[in-house]
Each structure stands twice: as C-alpha cells, then as structure tokens.
Amino acid sequence: MIGRTAILEFFTKDIAGSKAAGLVFVINPKTDVGVSGNMGWESGTYKLTVKGAVVETGKFLSVSRKKDGQWHYIRDTWNADAPLAAAAPPAAPASLPAPKE
C-alpha cells in the first residue's frame, strides 16, 4: 500500500474481516522498548488466536522516528515461530487413454 488513504483503507477492511472471523491478536506486555534521540524501537512476542485456539506465535520489531514532535513507523516486521505449512503436492495428471492398436 502506498499513501495514508490506501493504508488506512487496507487496515480498516483487514481488521473488520479478522474480527468477523474471530481472530484475536495479542502482544505480550513484556516488550523491549528503547529510545535514542529521534529513533525508537519496540520488540517482543505475539500470539494469534481464532475462537480461543492458538494458531500462531511469533516475534516482532518496530522502529520509529520522531519528526516534528510526532512518532512515525519507519520499519515494522514480524516472524512466526513455526515454519510455514508445506504446500499440498500437485494433483496427479489425468490418465491418458490407452493407445489404439
């Protein structure tokens, strides 16, 4: 997404869809936060649940810069603890008809 309007529209739709699906995102309150001059960061762990069942855990790092008295995200990343599920194998090709003699 590029631009405030596009980003806001994306997250508004994504959050509404997540809530409707019963997804809950929880950040561990014991995060590491730091500030040095006009740069700040936060890192920690998160948990995703759907209807009470844990579906993912992981870690995150967010970096912000203070400009004109306001903090702005400049980097944000996260990684799940578990590897991605293996892709389903491709479907076997349909059998070819037997050759005619």
PDB file of N, CA and C in Angstrom:
ATOM      1  N   MET A   1       0.831  -1.164   0.000  1.00  0.00           N
ATOM      2  CA  MET A   1       0.000   0.000   0.000  1.00  0.00           C
ATOM      3  C   MET A   1       0.886   1.240   0.000  1.00  0.00           C
ATOM      4  N   ILE A   2       0.473   2.213  -0.734  1.00  0.00           N
ATOM      5  CA  ILE A   2       1.217   3.472  -0.777  1.00  0.00           C
ATOM      6  C   ILE A   2       0.254   4.599  -0.430  1.00  0.00           C
ATOM      7  N   GLY A   3       0.653   5.433   0.503  1.00  0.00           N
ATOM      8  CA  GLY A   3      -0.141   6.597   0.892  1.00  0.00           C
ATOM      9  C   GLY A   3      -1.064   6.303   2.060  1.00  0.00           C
ATOM     10  N   ARG A   4      -1.324   7.342   2.844  1.00  0.00           N
ATOM     11  CA  ARG A   4      -2.148   7.212   4.050  1.00  0.00           C
ATOM     12  C   ARG A   4      -3.543   6.659   3.771  1.00  0.00           C
ATOM     13  N   THR A   5      -4.189   7.158   2.739  1.00  0.00           N
ATOM     14  CA  THR A   5      -5.559   6.728   2.441  1.00  0.00           C
ATOM     15  C   THR A   5      -5.607   5.243   2.105  1.00  0.00           C
ATOM     16  N   ALA A   6      -4.693   4.786   1.260  1.00  0.00           N
ATOM     17  CA  ALA A   6      -4.663   3.372   0.867  1.00  0.00           C
ATOM     18  C   ALA A   6      -4.334   2.483   2.064  1.00  0.00           C
ATOM     19  N   ILE A   7      -3.390   2.919   2.889  1.00  0.00           N
ATOM     20  CA  ILE A   7      -3.014   2.129   4.061  1.00  0.00           C
ATOM     21  C   ILE A   7      -4.176   2.048   5.042  1.00  0.00           C
ATOM     22  N   LEU A   8      -4.835   3.175   5.299  1.00  0.00           N
ATOM     23  CA  LEU A   8      -5.983   3.186   6.212  1.00  0.00           C
ATOM     24  C   LEU A   8      -7.106   2.303   5.689  1.00  0.00           C
ATOM     25  N   GLU A   9      -7.395   2.376   4.407  1.00  0.00           N
ATOM     26  CA  GLU A   9      -8.453   1.553   3.813  1.00  0.00           C
ATOM     27  C   GLU A   9      -8.120   0.069   3.943  1.00  0.00           C
ATOM     28  N   PHE A  10      -6.876  -0.299   3.655  1.00  0.00           N
ATOM     29  CA  PHE A  10      -6.455  -1.696   3.761  1.00  0.00           C
ATOM     30  C   PHE A  10      -6.659  -2.213   5.176  1.00  0.00           C
ATOM     31  N   PHE A  11      -6.120  -1.488   6.177  1.00  0.00           N
ATOM     32  CA  PHE A  11      -6.205  -1.965   7.558  1.00  0.00           C
ATOM     33  C   PHE A  11      -7.636  -1.940   8.086  1.00  0.00           C
ATOM     34  N   THR A  12      -8.443  -0.993   7.675  1.00  0.00           N
ATOM     35  CA  THR A  12      -9.846  -0.956   8.104  1.00  0.00           C
ATOM     36  C   THR A  12     -10.574  -2.215   7.646  1.00  0.00           C
ATOM     37  N   LYS A  13     -10.407  -2.594   6.384  1.00  0.00           N
ATOM     38  CA  LYS A  13     -11.035  -3.806   5.861  1.00  0.00           C
ATOM     39  C   LYS A  13     -10.439  -5.066   6.495  1.00  0.00           C
ATOM     40  N   ASP A  14      -9.114  -5.102   6.646  1.00  0.00           N
ATOM     41  CA  ASP A  14      -8.442  -6.271   7.203  1.00  0.00           C
ATOM     42  C   ASP A  14      -8.854  -6.503   8.657  1.00  0.00           C
ATOM     43  N   ILE A  15      -8.912  -5.453   9.443  1.00  0.00           N
ATOM     44  CA  ILE A  15      -9.290  -5.584  10.857  1.00  0.00           C
ATOM     45  C   ILE A  15     -10.749  -6.026  10.975  1.00  0.00           C
ATOM     46  N   ALA A  16     -11.631  -5.466  10.168  1.00  0.00           N
ATOM     47  CA  ALA A  16     -13.041  -5.870  10.208  1.00  0.00           C
ATOM     48  C   ALA A  16     -13.190  -7.342   9.841  1.00  0.00           C
ATOM     49  N   GLY A  17     -12.479  -7.792   8.816  1.00  0.00           N
ATOM     50  CA  GLY A  17     -12.543  -9.195   8.415  1.00  0.00           C
ATOM     51  C   GLY A  17     -11.973 -10.125   9.480  1.00  0.00           C
ATOM     52  N   SER A  18     -10.897  -9.706  10.121  1.00  0.00           N
ATOM     53  CA  SER A  18     -10.289 -10.505  11.186  1.00  0.00           C
ATOM     54  C   SER A  18     -11.229 -10.644  12.373  1.00  0.00           C
ATOM     55  N   LYS A  19     -11.859  -9.545  12.766  1.00  0.00           N
ATOM     56  CA  LYS A  19     -12.818  -9.590  13.883  1.00  0.00           C
ATOM     57  C   LYS A  19     -13.985 -10.508  13.554  1.00  0.00           C
ATOM     58  N   ALA A  20     -14.481 -10.407  12.332  1.00  0.00           N
ATOM     59  CA  ALA A  20     -15.611 -11.246  11.924  1.00  0.00           C
ATOM     60  C   ALA A  20     -15.239 -12.730  11.961  1.00  0.00           C
ATOM     61  N   ALA A  21     -13.976 -13.038  11.696  1.00  0.00           N
ATOM     62  CA  ALA A  21     -13.513 -14.433  11.695  1.00  0.00           C
ATOM     63  C   ALA A  21     -13.158 -14.922  13.101  1.00  0.00           C
ATOM     64  N   GLY A  22     -13.191 -14.021  14.089  1.00  0.00           N
ATOM     65  CA  GLY A  22     -12.875 -14.409  15.460  1.00  0.00           C
ATOM     66  C   GLY A  22     -11.392 -14.381  15.790  1.00  0.00           C
ATOM     67  N   LEU A  23     -10.595 -13.726  14.946  1.00  0.00           N
ATOM     68  CA  LEU A  23      -9.163 -13.649  15.163  1.00  0.00           C
ATOM     69  C   LEU A  23      -8.840 -12.598  16.228  1.00  0.00           C
ATOM     70  N   VAL A  24      -7.973 -12.964  17.175  1.00  0.00           N
ATOM     71  CA  VAL A  24      -7.536 -12.036  18.219  1.00  0.00           C
ATOM     72  C   VAL A  24      -6.008 -12.005  18.206  1.00  0.00           C
ATOM     73  N   PHE A  25      -5.448 -10.795  18.144  1.00  0.00           N
ATOM     74  CA  PHE A  25      -4.000 -10.573  18.111  1.00  0.00           C
ATOM     75  C   PHE A  25      -3.595  -9.979  19.448  1.00  0.00           C
ATOM     76  N   VAL A  26      -2.689 -10.644  20.170  1.00  0.00           N
ATOM     77  CA  VAL A  26      -2.274 -10.194  21.497  1.00  0.00           C
ATOM     78  C   VAL A  26      -0.762 -10.034  21.521  1.00  0.00           C
ATOM     79  N   ILE A  27      -0.307  -8.837  21.910  1.00  0.00           N
ATOM     80  CA  ILE A  27       1.119  -8.583  22.095  1.00  0.00           C
ATOM     81  C   ILE A  27       1.444  -8.816  23.560  1.00  0.00           C
ATOM     82  N   ASN A  28       2.501  -9.580  23.828  1.00  0.00           N
ATOM     83  CA  ASN A  28       2.960  -9.819  25.184  1.00  0.00           C
ATOM     84  C   ASN A  28       3.301  -8.465  25.809  1.00  0.00           C
ATOM     85  N   PRO A  29       2.747  -8.147  26.981  1.00  0.00           N
ATOM     86  CA  PRO A  29       3.009  -6.836  27.584  1.00  0.00           C
ATOM     87  C   PRO A  29       4.467  -6.628  27.987  1.00  0.00           C
ATOM     88  N   LYS A  30       5.251  -7.694  28.054  1.00  0.00           N
ATOM     89  CA  LYS A  30       6.666  -7.568  28.411  1.00  0.00           C
ATOM     90  C   LYS A  30       7.502  -7.375  27.149  1.00  0.00           C
ATOM     91  N   THR A  31       7.381  -6.204  26.525  1.00  0.00           N
ATOM     92  CA  THR A  31       8.150  -5.903  25.321  1.00  0.00           C
ATOM     93  C   THR A  31       9.393  -5.105  25.697  1.00  0.00           C
ATOM     94  N   ASP A  32      10.352  -5.090  24.799  1.00  0.00           N
ATOM     95  CA  ASP A  32      11.563  -4.294  24.970  1.00  0.00           C
ATOM     96  C   ASP A  32      11.366  -3.011  24.176  1.00  0.00           C
ATOM     97  N   VAL A  33      11.476  -1.876  24.860  1.00  0.00           N
ATOM     98  CA  VAL A  33      11.253  -0.578  24.230  1.00  0.00           C
ATOM     99  C   VAL A  33      12.475   0.286  24.481  1.00  0.00           C
ATOM    100  N   GLY A  34      12.900   1.030  23.472  1.00  0.00           N
ATOM    101  CA  GLY A  34      14.044   1.911  23.654  1.00  0.00           C
ATOM    102  C   GLY A  34      13.926   3.165  22.812  1.00  0.00           C
ATOM    103  N   VAL A  35      14.620   4.201  23.252  1.00  0.00           N
ATOM    104  CA  VAL A  35      14.655   5.469  22.527  1.00  0.00           C
ATOM    105  C   VAL A  35      16.082   5.987  22.569  1.00  0.00           C
ATOM    106  N   SER A  36      16.539   6.489  21.437  1.00  0.00           N
ATOM    107  CA  SER A  36      17.831   7.141  21.358  1.00  0.00           C
ATOM    108  C   SER A  36      17.674   8.314  20.404  1.00  0.00           C
ATOM    109  N   GLY A  37      17.664   9.513  20.959  1.00  0.00           N
ATOM    110  CA  GLY A  37      17.469  10.704  20.128  1.00  0.00           C
ATOM    111  C   GLY A  37      16.093  10.688  19.490  1.00  0.00           C
ATOM    112  N   ASN A  38      16.057  10.756  18.173  1.00  0.00           N
ATOM    113  CA  ASN A  38      14.774  10.767  17.464  1.00  0.00           C
ATOM    114  C   ASN A  38      14.376   9.383  16.935  1.00  0.00           C
ATOM    115  N   MET A  39      15.089   8.335  17.388  1.00  0.00           N
ATOM    116  CA  MET A  39      14.766   6.969  16.969  1.00  0.00           C
ATOM    117  C   MET A  39      14.233   6.176  18.155  1.00  0.00           C
ATOM    118  N   GLY A  40      13.268   5.318  17.899  1.00  0.00           N
ATOM    119  CA  GLY A  40      12.720   4.460  18.937  1.00  0.00           C
ATOM    120  C   GLY A  40      12.414   3.092  18.371  1.00  0.00           C
ATOM    121  N   TRP A  41      12.320   2.091  19.238  1.00  0.00           N
ATOM    122  CA  TRP A  41      12.021   0.738  18.785  1.00  0.00           C
ATOM    123  C   TRP A  41      11.242  -0.010  19.848  1.00  0.00           C
ATOM    124  N   GLU A  42      10.569  -1.026  19.400  1.00  0.00           N
ATOM    125  CA  GLU A  42       9.858  -1.944  20.291  1.00  0.00           C
ATOM    126  C   GLU A  42       9.988  -3.332  19.702  1.00  0.00           C
ATOM    127  N   SER A  43      10.304  -4.297  20.553  1.00  0.00           N
ATOM    128  CA  SER A  43      10.372  -5.682  20.091  1.00  0.00           C
ATOM    129  C   SER A  43       9.754  -6.566  21.160  1.00  0.00           C
ATOM    130  N   GLY A  44       9.206  -7.675  20.720  1.00  0.00           N
ATOM    131  CA  GLY A  44       8.574  -8.589  21.661  1.00  0.00           C
ATOM    132  C   GLY A  44       7.973  -9.772  20.952  1.00  0.00           C
ATOM    133  N   THR A  45       6.999 -10.381  21.605  1.00  0.00           N
ATOM    134  CA  THR A  45       6.343 -11.563  21.055  1.00  0.00           C
ATOM    135  C   THR A  45       4.840 -11.320  20.944  1.00  0.00           C
ATOM    136  N   TYR A  46       4.209 -12.123  20.112  1.00  0.00           N
ATOM    137  CA  TYR A  46       2.762 -12.008  19.911  1.00  0.00           C
ATOM    138  C   TYR A  46       2.130 -13.386  19.850  1.00  0.00           C
ATOM    139  N   LYS A  47       0.806 -13.396  19.940  1.00  0.00           N
ATOM    140  CA  LYS A  47       0.032 -14.641  19.824  1.00  0.00           C
ATOM    141  C   LYS A  47      -1.238 -14.321  19.044  1.00  0.00           C
ATOM    142  N   LEU A  48      -1.586 -15.172  18.103  1.00  0.00           N
ATOM    143  CA  LEU A  48      -2.841 -15.076  17.353  1.00  0.00           C
ATOM    144  C   LEU A  48      -3.733 -16.242  17.742  1.00  0.00           C
ATOM    145  N   THR A  49      -4.979 -15.936  18.061  1.00  0.00           N
ATOM    146  CA  THR A  49      -5.942 -16.986  18.356  1.00  0.00           C
ATOM    147  C   THR A  49      -7.162 -16.809  17.468  1.00  0.00           C
ATOM    148  N   VAL A  50      -7.824 -17.900  17.180  1.00  0.00           N
ATOM    149  CA  VAL A  50      -9.104 -17.888  16.473  1.00  0.00           C
ATOM    150  C   VAL A  50     -10.067 -18.678  17.332  1.00  0.00           C
ATOM    151  N   LYS A  51     -11.067 -17.977  17.815  1.00  0.00           N
ATOM    152  CA  LYS A  51     -12.079 -18.590  18.684  1.00  0.00           C
ATOM    153  C   LYS A  51     -11.415 -19.332  19.846  1.00  0.00           C
ATOM    154  N   GLY A  52     -10.379 -18.732  20.441  1.00  0.00           N
ATOM    155  CA  GLY A  52      -9.717 -19.285  21.616  1.00  0.00           C
ATOM    156  C   GLY A  52      -8.578 -20.250  21.348  1.00  0.00           C
ATOM    157  N   ALA A  53      -8.429 -20.729  20.128  1.00  0.00           N
ATOM    158  CA  ALA A  53      -7.352 -21.670  19.802  1.00  0.00           C
ATOM    159  C   ALA A  53      -6.145 -20.902  19.248  1.00  0.00           C
ATOM    160  N   VAL A  54      -4.961 -21.172  19.772  1.00  0.00           N
ATOM    161  CA  VAL A  54      -3.749 -20.511  19.293  1.00  0.00           C
ATOM    162  C   VAL A  54      -3.418 -21.037  17.897  1.00  0.00           C
ATOM    163  N   VAL A  55      -3.308 -20.129  16.939  1.00  0.00           N
ATOM    164  CA  VAL A  55      -2.987 -20.527  15.566  1.00  0.00           C
ATOM    165  C   VAL A  55      -1.588 -20.086  15.142  1.00  0.00           C
ATOM    166  N   GLU A  56      -1.011 -19.120  15.895  1.00  0.00           N
ATOM    167  CA  GLU A  56       0.341 -18.684  15.558  1.00  0.00           C
ATOM    168  C   GLU A  56       0.934 -17.937  16.742  1.00  0.00           C
ATOM    169  N   THR A  57       2.242 -18.115  16.940  1.00  0.00           N
ATOM    170  CA  THR A  57       3.008 -17.303  17.876  1.00  0.00           C
ATOM    171  C   THR A  57       4.231 -16.816  17.115  1.00  0.00           C
ATOM    172  N   GLY A  58       4.797 -15.703  17.569  1.00  0.00           N
ATOM    173  CA  GLY A  58       5.960 -15.187  16.871  1.00  0.00           C
ATOM    174  C   GLY A  58       6.561 -13.997  17.578  1.00  0.00           C
ATOM    175  N   LYS A  59       7.430 -13.320  16.853  1.00  0.00           N
ATOM    176  CA  LYS A  59       8.111 -12.160  17.399  1.00  0.00           C
ATOM    177  C   LYS A  59       8.011 -10.998  16.409  1.00  0.00           C
ATOM    178  N   PHE A  60       8.230  -9.761  16.934  1.00  0.00           N
ATOM    179  CA  PHE A  60       8.116  -8.591  16.080  1.00  0.00           C
ATOM    180  C   PHE A  60       9.169  -7.559  16.443  1.00  0.00           C
ATOM    181  N   LEU A  61       9.411  -6.634  15.536  1.00  0.00           N
ATOM    182  CA  LEU A  61      10.282  -5.491  15.758  1.00  0.00           C
ATOM    183  C   LEU A  61       9.700  -4.313  14.997  1.00  0.00           C
ATOM    184  N   SER A  62       9.510  -3.208  15.691  1.00  0.00           N
ATOM    185  CA  SER A  62       9.023  -1.977  15.071  1.00  0.00           C
ATOM    186  C   SER A  62      10.016  -0.862  15.369  1.00  0.00           C
ATOM    187  N   VAL A  63      10.337  -0.076  14.361  1.00  0.00           N
ATOM    188  CA  VAL A  63      11.268   1.042  14.506  1.00  0.00           C
ATOM    189  C   VAL A  63      10.538   2.318  14.108  1.00  0.00           C
ATOM    190  N   SER A  64      10.685   3.353  14.933  1.00  0.00           N
ATOM    191  CA  SER A  64      10.004   4.626  14.683  1.00  0.00           C
ATOM    192  C   SER A  64      11.009   5.769  14.699  1.00  0.00           C
ATOM    193  N   ARG A  65      10.620   6.870  14.048  1.00  0.00           N
ATOM    194  CA  ARG A  65      11.424   8.091  14.030  1.00  0.00           C
ATOM    195  C   ARG A  65      10.527   9.248  14.458  1.00  0.00           C
ATOM    196  N   LYS A  66      11.060  10.109  15.302  1.00  0.00           N
ATOM    197  CA  LYS A  66      10.313  11.283  15.749  1.00  0.00           C
ATOM    198  C   LYS A  66      10.628  12.450  14.820  1.00  0.00           C
ATOM    199  N   LYS A  67       9.562  13.022  14.256  1.00  0.00           N
ATOM    200  CA  LYS A  67       9.716  14.149  13.335  1.00  0.00           C
ATOM    201  C   LYS A  67       8.638  15.165  13.662  1.00  0.00           C
ATOM    202  N   ASP A  68       9.035  16.391  13.865  1.00  0.00           N
ATOM    203  CA  ASP A  68       8.098  17.473  14.188  1.00  0.00           C
ATOM    204  C   ASP A  68       7.227  17.126  15.392  1.00  0.00           C
ATOM    205  N   GLY A  69       7.825  16.462  16.388  1.00  0.00           N
ATOM    206  CA  GLY A  69       7.115  16.145  17.626  1.00  0.00           C
ATOM    207  C   GLY A  69       6.206  14.930  17.565  1.00  0.00           C
ATOM    208  N   GLN A  70       6.168  14.213  16.437  1.00  0.00           N
ATOM    209  CA  GLN A  70       5.317  13.033  16.304  1.00  0.00           C
ATOM    210  C   GLN A  70       6.160  11.822  15.919  1.00  0.00           C
ATOM    211  N   TRP A  71       5.764  10.652  16.474  1.00  0.00           N
ATOM    212  CA  TRP A  71       6.447   9.403  16.146  1.00  0.00           C
ATOM    213  C   TRP A  71       5.807   8.779  14.919  1.00  0.00           C
ATOM    214  N   HIS A  72       6.650   8.299  14.002  1.00  0.00           N
ATOM    215  CA  HIS A  72       6.193   7.664  12.755  1.00  0.00           C
ATOM    216  C   HIS A  72       6.906   6.327  12.592  1.00  0.00           C
ATOM    217  N   TYR A  73       6.140   5.262  12.270  1.00  0.00           N
ATOM    218  CA  TYR A  73       6.765   3.975  11.962  1.00  0.00           C
ATOM    219  C   TYR A  73       7.613   4.131  10.707  1.00  0.00           C
ATOM    220  N   ILE A  74       8.819   3.586  10.749  1.00  0.00           N
ATOM    221  CA  ILE A  74       9.628   3.560   9.531  1.00  0.00           C
ATOM    222  C   ILE A  74       9.966   2.132   9.127  1.00  0.00           C
ATOM    223  N   ARG A  75       9.893   1.197  10.088  1.00  0.00           N
ATOM    224  CA  ARG A  75      10.089  -0.227   9.789  1.00  0.00           C
ATOM    225  C   ARG A  75       9.232  -1.033  10.738  1.00  0.00           C
ATOM    226  N   ASP A  76       8.668  -2.117  10.238  1.00  0.00           N
ATOM    227  CA  ASP A  76       7.845  -2.997  11.060  1.00  0.00           C
ATOM    228  C   ASP A  76       7.923  -4.388  10.446  1.00  0.00           C
ATOM    229  N   THR A  77       8.300  -5.368  11.246  1.00  0.00           N
ATOM    230  CA  THR A  77       8.402  -6.730  10.723  1.00  0.00           C
ATOM    231  C   THR A  77       8.016  -7.725  11.802  1.00  0.00           C
ATOM    232  N   TRP A  78       7.628  -8.907  11.386  1.00  0.00           N
ATOM    233  CA  TRP A  78       7.296  -9.974  12.321  1.00  0.00           C
ATOM    234  C   TRP A  78       7.650 -11.305  11.674  1.00  0.00           C
ATOM    235  N   ASN A  79       7.849 -12.306  12.537  1.00  0.00           N
ATOM    236  CA  ASN A  79       8.184 -13.650  12.083  1.00  0.00           C
ATOM    237  C   ASN A  79       7.457 -14.657  12.951  1.00  0.00           C
ATOM    238  N   ALA A  80       6.799 -15.601  12.327  1.00  0.00           N
ATOM    239  CA  ALA A  80       6.139 -16.678  13.062  1.00  0.00           C
ATOM    240  C   ALA A  80       7.200 -17.636  13.599  1.00  0.00           C
ATOM    241  N   ASP A  81       6.921 -18.232  14.755  1.00  0.00           N
ATOM    242  CA  ASP A  81       7.850 -19.200  15.346  1.00  0.00           C
ATOM    243  C   ASP A  81       7.900 -20.496  14.548  1.00  0.00           C
ATOM    244  N   ALA A  82       6.783 -20.945  14.035  1.00  0.00           N
ATOM    245  CA  ALA A  82       6.712 -22.205  13.293  1.00  0.00           C
ATOM    246  C   ALA A  82       6.934 -21.936  11.803  1.00  0.00           C
ATOM    247  N   PRO A  83       7.534 -22.890  11.100  1.00  0.00           N
ATOM    248  CA  PRO A  83       7.676 -22.719   9.650  1.00  0.00           C
ATOM    249  C   PRO A  83       6.314 -22.771   8.977  1.00  0.00           C
ATOM    250  N   LEU A  84       6.259 -22.239   7.779  1.00  0.00           N
ATOM    251  CA  LEU A  84       5.021 -22.310   7.007  1.00  0.00           C
ATOM    252  C   LEU A  84       4.636 -23.762   6.771  1.00  0.00           C
ATOM    253  N   ALA A  85       3.350 -24.000   6.701  1.00  0.00           N
ATOM    254  CA  ALA A  85       2.869 -25.354   6.402  1.00  0.00           C
ATOM    255  C   ALA A  85       3.321 -25.726   4.993  1.00  0.00           C
ATOM    256  N   ALA A  86       3.643 -26.974   4.807  1.00  0.00           N
ATOM    257  CA  ALA A  86       4.080 -27.442   3.492  1.00  0.00           C
ATOM    258  C   ALA A  86       2.938 -27.312   2.495  1.00  0.00           C
ATOM    259  N   ALA A  87       3.285 -26.930   1.299  1.00  0.00           N
ATOM    260  CA  ALA A  87       2.282 -26.818   0.247  1.00  0.00           C
ATOM    261  C   ALA A  87       1.786 -28.211  -0.130  1.00  0.00           C
ATOM    262  N   ALA A  88       0.529 -28.279  -0.504  1.00  0.00           N
ATOM    263  CA  ALA A  88      -0.032 -29.564  -0.938  1.00  0.00           C
ATOM    264  C   ALA A  88       0.667 -29.995  -2.226  1.00  0.00           C
ATOM    265  N   PRO A  89       0.938 -31.278  -2.378  1.00  0.00           N
ATOM    266  CA  PRO A  89       1.589 -31.730  -3.615  1.00  0.00           C
ATOM    267  C   PRO A  89       0.655 -31.496  -4.800  1.00  0.00           C
ATOM    268  N   PRO A  90       1.225 -31.294  -5.979  1.00  0.00           N
ATOM    269  CA  PRO A  90       0.374 -31.074  -7.149  1.00  0.00           C
ATOM    270  C   PRO A  90      -0.464 -32.318  -7.446  1.00  0.00           C
ATOM    271  N   ALA A  91      -1.615 -32.092  -8.011  1.00  0.00           N
ATOM    272  CA  ALA A  91      -2.513 -33.200  -8.362  1.00  0.00           C
ATOM    273  C   ALA A  91      -1.858 -34.048  -9.450  1.00  0.00           C
ATOM    274  N   ALA A  92      -2.074 -35.336  -9.365  1.00  0.00           N
ATOM    275  CA  ALA A  92      -1.538 -36.247 -10.375  1.00  0.00           C
ATOM    276  C   ALA A  92      -2.244 -35.972 -11.695  1.00  0.00           C
ATOM    277  N   PRO A  93      -1.509 -36.047 -12.797  1.00  0.00           N
ATOM    278  CA  PRO A  93      -2.155 -35.800 -14.095  1.00  0.00           C
ATOM    279  C   PRO A  93      -3.189 -36.890 -14.391  1.00  0.00           C
ATOM    280  N   ALA A  94      -4.196 -36.494 -15.121  1.00  0.00           N
ATOM    281  CA  ALA A  94      -5.239 -37.455 -15.507  1.00  0.00           C
ATOM    282  C   ALA A  94      -4.610 -38.535 -16.388  1.00  0.00           C
ATOM    283  N   SER A  95      -5.133 -39.731 -16.277  1.00  0.00           N
ATOM    284  CA  SER A  95      -4.618 -40.838 -17.084  1.00  0.00           C
ATOM    285  C   SER A  95      -4.898 -40.575 -18.556  1.00  0.00           C
ATOM    286  N   LEU A  96      -3.932 -40.938 -19.348  1.00  0.00           N
ATOM    287  CA  LEU A  96      -4.110 -40.812 -20.803  1.00  0.00           C
ATOM    288  C   LEU A  96      -4.853 -42.053 -21.283  1.00  0.00           C
ATOM    289  N   PRO A  97      -5.654 -41.905 -22.315  1.00  0.00           N
ATOM    290  CA  PRO A  97      -6.346 -43.080 -22.839  1.00  0.00           C
ATOM    291  C   PRO A  97      -5.336 -44.090 -23.399  1.00  0.00           C
ATOM    292  N   ALA A  98      -5.674 -45.340 -23.318  1.00  0.00           N
ATOM    293  CA  ALA A  98      -4.805 -46.396 -23.822  1.00  0.00           C
ATOM    294  C   ALA A  98      -4.677 -46.243 -25.337  1.00  0.00           C
ATOM    295  N   PRO A  99      -3.475 -46.483 -25.875  1.00  0.00           N
ATOM    296  CA  PRO A  99      -3.314 -46.353 -27.333  1.00  0.00           C
ATOM    297  C   PRO A  99      -4.154 -47.397 -28.061  1.00  0.00           C
ATOM    298  N   LYS A 100      -4.658 -47.029 -29.204  1.00  0.00           N
ATOM    299  CA  LYS A 100      -5.444 -47.943 -30.041  1.00  0.00           C
ATOM    300  C   LYS A 100      -4.484 -48.772 -30.861  1.00  0.00           C
ATOM    301  N   GLU A 101      -4.819 -50.035 -31.011  1.00  0.00           N
ATOM    302  CA  GLU A 101      -3.965 -50.928 -31.776  1.00  0.00           C
ATOM    303  C   GLU A 101      -4.432 -51.040 -33.190  1.00  0.00           C
TER     304      GLU A 101
END
